[in-house]
């Protein structure tokens, strides 16, 4: 191997290492902020609180994020990726079942109950007047709806369809799920989780069979 190639290889390896370190540091701030937002709420959380929880400095925070809103956006994208990953486990199955949906919805519900305060921030910010978060919500909903369309088609035994009813039903299902979880958080989880899940499933499956 020539010296030039060796230097190039070392340069690539060093760049990859820096990228891994950067990703790990950003994730450290994301996880720290998730904990602090859940404890103090978004508005009462300071950058100093997040930096201290992450075990680093405020200067270190600003090396990776512009401000608190920039960090919150990063947390939302992480949440979205997690929700989509779990949803696609069901949508990519050849024959998804009602039991698969039941487990998925219960999994979602427990995620929201575990970090109630942060999830209220998540739901309220996405439904607020901030244009950036409104745009993110539209993207999230569109992507969730695509996966629910696939699930509905498979439950109906179809491979593909241009049925507008399925498109509408998926949007109604996703919208209802978000409203249902929001209501559940507001009521301090008074409704039993299994009843909540069954209501969500029954609404979505209405009219699918046959």
C-alpha atoms as a PDB file:
ATOM      1  CA  UNK A   1       0.000   0.000   0.000  1.00  0.00           C
ATOM      2  CA  UNK A   2       1.399   3.403  -0.987  1.00  0.00           C
ATOM      3  CA  UNK A   3       1.990   6.140   1.583  1.00  0.00           C
ATOM      4  CA  UNK A   4      -0.660   8.259  -0.139  1.00  0.00           C
ATOM      5  CA  UNK A   5      -3.231   5.485   0.177  1.00  0.00           C
ATOM      6  CA  UNK A   6      -2.265   4.844   3.798  1.00  0.00           C
ATOM      7  CA  UNK A   7      -2.754   8.528   4.623  1.00  0.00           C
ATOM      8  CA  UNK A   8      -6.111   8.545   2.836  1.00  0.00           C
ATOM      9  CA  UNK A   9      -7.232   5.431   4.717  1.00  0.00           C
ATOM     10  CA  UNK A  10      -6.196   6.949   8.057  1.00  0.00           C
ATOM     11  CA  UNK A  11      -8.040  10.138   7.140  1.00  0.00           C
ATOM     12  CA  UNK A  12     -11.228   8.209   6.356  1.00  0.00           C
ATOM     13  CA  UNK A  13     -10.986   6.186   9.554  1.00  0.00           C
ATOM     14  CA  UNK A  14     -10.426   9.339  11.612  1.00  0.00           C
ATOM     15  CA  UNK A  15     -13.411  11.034   9.952  1.00  0.00           C
ATOM     16  CA  UNK A  16     -15.584   8.008  10.724  1.00  0.00           C
ATOM     17  CA  UNK A  17     -14.397   8.019  14.336  1.00  0.00           C
ATOM     18  CA  UNK A  18     -15.193  11.725  14.708  1.00  0.00           C
ATOM     19  CA  UNK A  19     -18.651  11.122  13.276  1.00  0.00           C
ATOM     20  CA  UNK A  20     -19.286   8.299  15.761  1.00  0.00           C
ATOM     21  CA  UNK A  21     -18.142  10.516  18.643  1.00  0.00           C
ATOM     22  CA  UNK A  22     -20.363  13.363  17.428  1.00  0.00           C
ATOM     23  CA  UNK A  23     -23.371  11.059  17.173  1.00  0.00           C
ATOM     24  CA  UNK A  24     -22.736   9.639  20.644  1.00  0.00           C
ATOM     25  CA  UNK A  25     -22.432  13.129  22.155  1.00  0.00           C
ATOM     26  CA  UNK A  26     -25.623  14.323  20.469  1.00  0.00           C
ATOM     27  CA  UNK A  27     -27.458  11.241  21.722  1.00  0.00           C
ATOM     28  CA  UNK A  28     -26.139  11.922  25.223  1.00  0.00           C
ATOM     29  CA  UNK A  29     -27.760  15.373  25.167  1.00  0.00           C
ATOM     30  CA  UNK A  30     -30.961  13.923  23.689  1.00  0.00           C
ATOM     31  CA  UNK A  31     -31.312  11.373  26.482  1.00  0.00           C
ATOM     32  CA  UNK A  32     -30.449  13.948  29.158  1.00  0.00           C
ATOM     33  CA  UNK A  33     -33.003  16.414  27.788  1.00  0.00           C
ATOM     34  CA  UNK A  34     -35.686  13.722  27.671  1.00  0.00           C
ATOM     35  CA  UNK A  35     -35.229  13.159  31.403  1.00  0.00           C
ATOM     36  CA  UNK A  36     -35.107  16.854  32.336  1.00  0.00           C
ATOM     37  CA  UNK A  37     -38.035  17.860  30.101  1.00  0.00           C
ATOM     38  CA  UNK A  38     -40.074  15.109  31.749  1.00  0.00           C
ATOM     39  CA  UNK A  39     -39.173  16.387  35.225  1.00  0.00           C
ATOM     40  CA  UNK A  40     -39.319  20.171  34.738  1.00  0.00           C
ATOM     41  CA  UNK A  41     -41.276  20.729  31.558  1.00  0.00           C
ATOM     42  CA  UNK A  42     -39.885  22.344  28.429  1.00  0.00           C
ATOM     43  CA  UNK A  43     -40.290  26.008  29.433  1.00  0.00           C
ATOM     44  CA  UNK A  44     -38.676  25.607  32.876  1.00  0.00           C
ATOM     45  CA  UNK A  45     -35.710  23.607  31.627  1.00  0.00           C
ATOM     46  CA  UNK A  46     -32.430  25.496  31.244  1.00  0.00           C
ATOM     47  CA  UNK A  47     -29.525  24.561  29.010  1.00  0.00           C
ATOM     48  CA  UNK A  48     -27.480  24.305  32.211  1.00  0.00           C
ATOM     49  CA  UNK A  49     -29.899  21.653  33.547  1.00  0.00           C
ATOM     50  CA  UNK A  50     -29.422  19.537  30.420  1.00  0.00           C
ATOM     51  CA  UNK A  51     -25.639  19.986  30.404  1.00  0.00           C
ATOM     52  CA  UNK A  52     -25.364  18.979  34.052  1.00  0.00           C
ATOM     53  CA  UNK A  53     -27.546  15.900  33.495  1.00  0.00           C
ATOM     54  CA  UNK A  54     -25.363  14.956  30.523  1.00  0.00           C
ATOM     55  CA  UNK A  55     -22.248  15.415  32.660  1.00  0.00           C
ATOM     56  CA  UNK A  56     -20.746  18.080  30.419  1.00  0.00           C
ATOM     57  CA  UNK A  57     -20.588  21.856  30.010  1.00  0.00           C
ATOM     58  CA  UNK A  58     -22.939  24.433  28.532  1.00  0.00           C
ATOM     59  CA  UNK A  59     -20.232  25.154  25.964  1.00  0.00           C
ATOM     60  CA  UNK A  60     -20.285  21.494  25.024  1.00  0.00           C
ATOM     61  CA  UNK A  61     -24.028  21.732  24.449  1.00  0.00           C
ATOM     62  CA  UNK A  62     -23.676  24.647  22.022  1.00  0.00           C
ATOM     63  CA  UNK A  63     -21.060  22.730  20.071  1.00  0.00           C
ATOM     64  CA  UNK A  64     -23.789  20.287  18.993  1.00  0.00           C
ATOM     65  CA  UNK A  65     -27.041  22.269  19.237  1.00  0.00           C
ATOM     66  CA  UNK A  66     -27.970  25.865  18.438  1.00  0.00           C
ATOM     67  CA  UNK A  67     -30.528  26.220  21.231  1.00  0.00           C
ATOM     68  CA  UNK A  68     -33.146  24.363  23.253  1.00  0.00           C
ATOM     69  CA  UNK A  69     -35.623  24.289  20.360  1.00  0.00           C
ATOM     70  CA  UNK A  70     -32.997  22.713  18.105  1.00  0.00           C
ATOM     71  CA  UNK A  71     -32.476  20.003  20.715  1.00  0.00           C
ATOM     72  CA  UNK A  72     -36.230  19.445  21.098  1.00  0.00           C
ATOM     73  CA  UNK A  73     -36.483  18.947  17.348  1.00  0.00           C
ATOM     74  CA  UNK A  74     -33.783  16.287  17.590  1.00  0.00           C
ATOM     75  CA  UNK A  75     -35.702  14.521  20.373  1.00  0.00           C
ATOM     76  CA  UNK A  76     -38.860  14.536  18.237  1.00  0.00           C
ATOM     77  CA  UNK A  77     -37.063  12.940  15.309  1.00  0.00           C
ATOM     78  CA  UNK A  78     -35.716  10.222  17.625  1.00  0.00           C
ATOM     79  CA  UNK A  79     -39.226   9.611  18.919  1.00  0.00           C
ATOM     80  CA  UNK A  80     -40.598   9.482  15.396  1.00  0.00           C
ATOM     81  CA  UNK A  81     -37.952   6.944  14.341  1.00  0.00           C
ATOM     82  CA  UNK A  82     -38.778   4.774  17.355  1.00  0.00           C
ATOM     83  CA  UNK A  83     -42.522   4.891  16.669  1.00  0.00           C
ATOM     84  CA  UNK A  84     -42.004   4.124  12.977  1.00  0.00           C
ATOM     85  CA  UNK A  85     -39.630   1.248  13.698  1.00  0.00           C
ATOM     86  CA  UNK A  86     -42.226  -0.447  15.877  1.00  0.00           C
ATOM     87  CA  UNK A  87     -45.036   0.277  13.441  1.00  0.00           C
ATOM     88  CA  UNK A  88     -43.091  -1.198  10.528  1.00  0.00           C
ATOM     89  CA  UNK A  89     -42.613  -4.444  12.427  1.00  0.00           C
ATOM     90  CA  UNK A  90     -46.368  -4.880  11.986  1.00  0.00           C
ATOM     91  CA  UNK A  91     -46.827  -3.320   8.533  1.00  0.00           C
ATOM     92  CA  UNK A  92     -44.061  -5.400   6.936  1.00  0.00           C
ATOM     93  CA  UNK A  93     -45.527  -8.700   8.114  1.00  0.00           C
ATOM     94  CA  UNK A  94     -47.099 -10.752   5.358  1.00  0.00           C
ATOM     95  CA  UNK A  95     -50.256 -11.290   7.407  1.00  0.00           C
ATOM     96  CA  UNK A  96     -50.451  -8.853  10.320  1.00  0.00           C
ATOM     97  CA  UNK A  97     -53.012  -9.829  12.938  1.00  0.00           C
ATOM     98  CA  UNK A  98     -55.247  -8.012  15.377  1.00  0.00           C
ATOM     99  CA  UNK A  99     -53.008  -9.376  18.131  1.00  0.00           C
ATOM    100  CA  UNK A 100     -50.034  -7.646  16.480  1.00  0.00           C
ATOM    101  CA  UNK A 101     -51.929  -4.342  16.560  1.00  0.00           C
ATOM    102  CA  UNK A 102     -52.979  -4.915  20.137  1.00  0.00           C
ATOM    103  CA  UNK A 103     -49.353  -5.399  21.198  1.00  0.00           C
ATOM    104  CA  UNK A 104     -48.249  -2.368  19.167  1.00  0.00           C
ATOM    105  CA  UNK A 105     -50.891  -0.042  20.644  1.00  0.00           C
ATOM    106  CA  UNK A 106     -50.210  -1.252  24.167  1.00  0.00           C
ATOM    107  CA  UNK A 107     -46.497  -0.698  23.602  1.00  0.00           C
ATOM    108  CA  UNK A 108     -47.224   2.866  22.434  1.00  0.00           C
ATOM    109  CA  UNK A 109     -49.497   3.488  25.421  1.00  0.00           C
ATOM    110  CA  UNK A 110     -46.857   2.337  27.904  1.00  0.00           C
ATOM    111  CA  UNK A 111     -44.279   4.585  26.233  1.00  0.00           C
ATOM    112  CA  UNK A 112     -46.553   7.563  26.755  1.00  0.00           C
ATOM    113  CA  UNK A 113     -47.339   6.626  30.340  1.00  0.00           C
ATOM    114  CA  UNK A 114     -43.645   6.166  31.213  1.00  0.00           C
ATOM    115  CA  UNK A 115     -42.815   9.770  30.279  1.00  0.00           C
ATOM    116  CA  UNK A 116     -46.128  11.512  30.667  1.00  0.00           C
ATOM    117  CA  UNK A 117     -44.864  15.089  31.002  1.00  0.00           C
ATOM    118  CA  UNK A 118     -42.520  14.891  28.042  1.00  0.00           C
ATOM    119  CA  UNK A 119     -45.174  13.257  25.891  1.00  0.00           C
ATOM    120  CA  UNK A 120     -47.570  16.082  26.711  1.00  0.00           C
ATOM    121  CA  UNK A 121     -44.901  18.476  25.432  1.00  0.00           C
ATOM    122  CA  UNK A 122     -44.539  16.272  22.339  1.00  0.00           C
ATOM    123  CA  UNK A 123     -48.279  16.292  21.578  1.00  0.00           C
ATOM    124  CA  UNK A 124     -48.899  19.946  22.440  1.00  0.00           C
ATOM    125  CA  UNK A 125     -45.882  21.342  20.584  1.00  0.00           C
ATOM    126  CA  UNK A 126     -46.755  19.384  17.445  1.00  0.00           C
ATOM    127  CA  UNK A 127     -50.277  20.740  17.645  1.00  0.00           C
ATOM    128  CA  UNK A 128     -49.188  24.324  18.376  1.00  0.00           C
ATOM    129  CA  UNK A 129     -48.537  27.382  16.240  1.00  0.00           C
ATOM    130  CA  UNK A 130     -44.796  26.861  15.715  1.00  0.00           C
ATOM    131  CA  UNK A 131     -44.467  26.425  11.935  1.00  0.00           C
ATOM    132  CA  UNK A 132     -41.459  24.131  12.184  1.00  0.00           C
ATOM    133  CA  UNK A 133     -43.207  21.727  14.558  1.00  0.00           C
ATOM    134  CA  UNK A 134     -46.458  21.958  12.578  1.00  0.00           C
ATOM    135  CA  UNK A 135     -44.523  20.896   9.490  1.00  0.00           C
ATOM    136  CA  UNK A 136     -42.960  18.028  11.441  1.00  0.00           C
ATOM    137  CA  UNK A 137     -46.395  16.901  12.612  1.00  0.00           C
ATOM    138  CA  UNK A 138     -47.668  16.820   9.033  1.00  0.00           C
ATOM    139  CA  UNK A 139     -44.681  14.716   8.021  1.00  0.00           C
ATOM    140  CA  UNK A 140     -45.120  12.347  10.958  1.00  0.00           C
ATOM    141  CA  UNK A 141     -48.831  11.897  10.300  1.00  0.00           C
ATOM    142  CA  UNK A 142     -48.278  11.327   6.567  1.00  0.00           C
ATOM    143  CA  UNK A 143     -45.682   8.622   7.247  1.00  0.00           C
ATOM    144  CA  UNK A 144     -47.781   6.923   9.919  1.00  0.00           C
ATOM    145  CA  UNK A 145     -50.794   6.961   7.604  1.00  0.00           C
ATOM    146  CA  UNK A 146     -48.839   5.232   4.833  1.00  0.00           C
ATOM    147  CA  UNK A 147     -48.018   2.369   7.173  1.00  0.00           C
ATOM    148  CA  UNK A 148     -51.608   2.134   8.411  1.00  0.00           C
ATOM    149  CA  UNK A 149     -52.832   1.993   4.804  1.00  0.00           C
ATOM    150  CA  UNK A 150     -50.589  -1.043   4.284  1.00  0.00           C
ATOM    151  CA  UNK A 151     -51.917  -2.690   7.447  1.00  0.00           C
ATOM    152  CA  UNK A 152     -55.550  -2.058   6.469  1.00  0.00           C
ATOM    153  CA  UNK A 153     -54.973  -3.464   2.981  1.00  0.00           C
ATOM    154  CA  UNK A 154     -53.413  -6.613   4.413  1.00  0.00           C
ATOM    155  CA  UNK A 155     -56.224  -7.034   6.922  1.00  0.00           C
ATOM    156  CA  UNK A 156     -58.693  -6.766   4.038  1.00  0.00           C
ATOM    157  CA  UNK A 157     -56.697  -9.348   2.072  1.00  0.00           C
ATOM    158  CA  UNK A 158     -55.671  -6.967  -0.710  1.00  0.00           C
ATOM    159  CA  UNK A 159     -52.182  -6.463  -2.106  1.00  0.00           C
ATOM    160  CA  UNK A 160     -52.768  -2.949  -3.392  1.00  0.00           C
ATOM    161  CA  UNK A 161     -55.633  -0.538  -3.849  1.00  0.00           C
ATOM    162  CA  UNK A 162     -56.480   3.005  -4.843  1.00  0.00           C
ATOM    163  CA  UNK A 163     -59.521   2.895  -2.614  1.00  0.00           C
ATOM    164  CA  UNK A 164     -59.928   6.416  -1.209  1.00  0.00           C
ATOM    165  CA  UNK A 165     -61.841   4.939   1.708  1.00  0.00           C
ATOM    166  CA  UNK A 166     -58.658   3.213   2.916  1.00  0.00           C
ATOM    167  CA  UNK A 167     -56.701   6.465   2.695  1.00  0.00           C
ATOM    168  CA  UNK A 168     -59.384   8.303   4.671  1.00  0.00           C
ATOM    169  CA  UNK A 169     -59.679   5.503   7.206  1.00  0.00           C
ATOM    170  CA  UNK A 170     -55.937   5.452   7.871  1.00  0.00           C
ATOM    171  CA  UNK A 171     -55.909   9.213   8.472  1.00  0.00           C
ATOM    172  CA  UNK A 172     -58.910   8.965  10.776  1.00  0.00           C
ATOM    173  CA  UNK A 173     -57.269   6.105  12.656  1.00  0.00           C
ATOM    174  CA  UNK A 174     -53.985   7.958  13.179  1.00  0.00           C
ATOM    175  CA  UNK A 175     -55.782  11.170  14.154  1.00  0.00           C
ATOM    176  CA  UNK A 176     -57.959   9.309  16.632  1.00  0.00           C
ATOM    177  CA  UNK A 177     -54.972   7.524  18.158  1.00  0.00           C
ATOM    178  CA  UNK A 178     -53.199  10.838  18.786  1.00  0.00           C
ATOM    179  CA  UNK A 179     -56.330  12.375  20.326  1.00  0.00           C
ATOM    180  CA  UNK A 180     -56.977   9.280  22.418  1.00  0.00           C
ATOM    181  CA  UNK A 181     -53.452   9.224  23.850  1.00  0.00           C
ATOM    182  CA  UNK A 182     -53.598  12.977  24.515  1.00  0.00           C
ATOM    183  CA  UNK A 183     -56.879  12.531  26.415  1.00  0.00           C
ATOM    184  CA  UNK A 184     -55.404   9.586  28.348  1.00  0.00           C
ATOM    185  CA  UNK A 185     -52.440  11.685  29.476  1.00  0.00           C
ATOM    186  CA  UNK A 186     -54.706  14.587  30.493  1.00  0.00           C
ATOM    187  CA  UNK A 187     -56.855  12.265  32.634  1.00  0.00           C
ATOM    188  CA  UNK A 188     -53.770  10.884  34.412  1.00  0.00           C
ATOM    189  CA  UNK A 189     -54.265   7.456  32.792  1.00  0.00           C
ATOM    190  CA  UNK A 190     -57.560   6.738  34.568  1.00  0.00           C
ATOM    191  CA  UNK A 191     -58.744   4.472  31.774  1.00  0.00           C
ATOM    192  CA  UNK A 192     -57.366   0.942  31.961  1.00  0.00           C
ATOM    193  CA  UNK A 193     -54.714   0.490  29.262  1.00  0.00           C
ATOM    194  CA  UNK A 194     -56.346  -2.670  27.882  1.00  0.00           C
ATOM    195  CA  UNK A 195     -59.692  -0.885  27.485  1.00  0.00           C
ATOM    196  CA  UNK A 196     -57.924   2.047  25.822  1.00  0.00           C
ATOM    197  CA  UNK A 197     -56.216  -0.297  23.361  1.00  0.00           C
ATOM    198  CA  UNK A 198     -59.444  -2.147  22.537  1.00  0.00           C
ATOM    199  CA  UNK A 199     -61.233   1.154  21.857  1.00  0.00           C
ATOM    200  CA  UNK A 200     -58.417   2.211  19.527  1.00  0.00           C
ATOM    201  CA  UNK A 201     -58.524  -1.091  17.662  1.00  0.00           C
ATOM    202  CA  UNK A 202     -62.315  -1.225  17.403  1.00  0.00           C
ATOM    203  CA  UNK A 203     -62.445   2.273  15.939  1.00  0.00           C
ATOM    204  CA  UNK A 204     -59.811   1.485  13.323  1.00  0.00           C
ATOM    205  CA  UNK A 205     -61.232  -1.882  12.338  1.00  0.00           C
ATOM    206  CA  UNK A 206     -64.810  -0.680  11.959  1.00  0.00           C
ATOM    207  CA  UNK A 207     -65.903  -1.475   8.421  1.00  0.00           C
ATOM    208  CA  UNK A 208     -62.690  -3.234   7.418  1.00  0.00           C
ATOM    209  CA  UNK A 209     -64.005  -6.756   7.397  1.00  0.00           C
ATOM    210  CA  UNK A 210     -66.170  -7.879   4.551  1.00  0.00           C
END
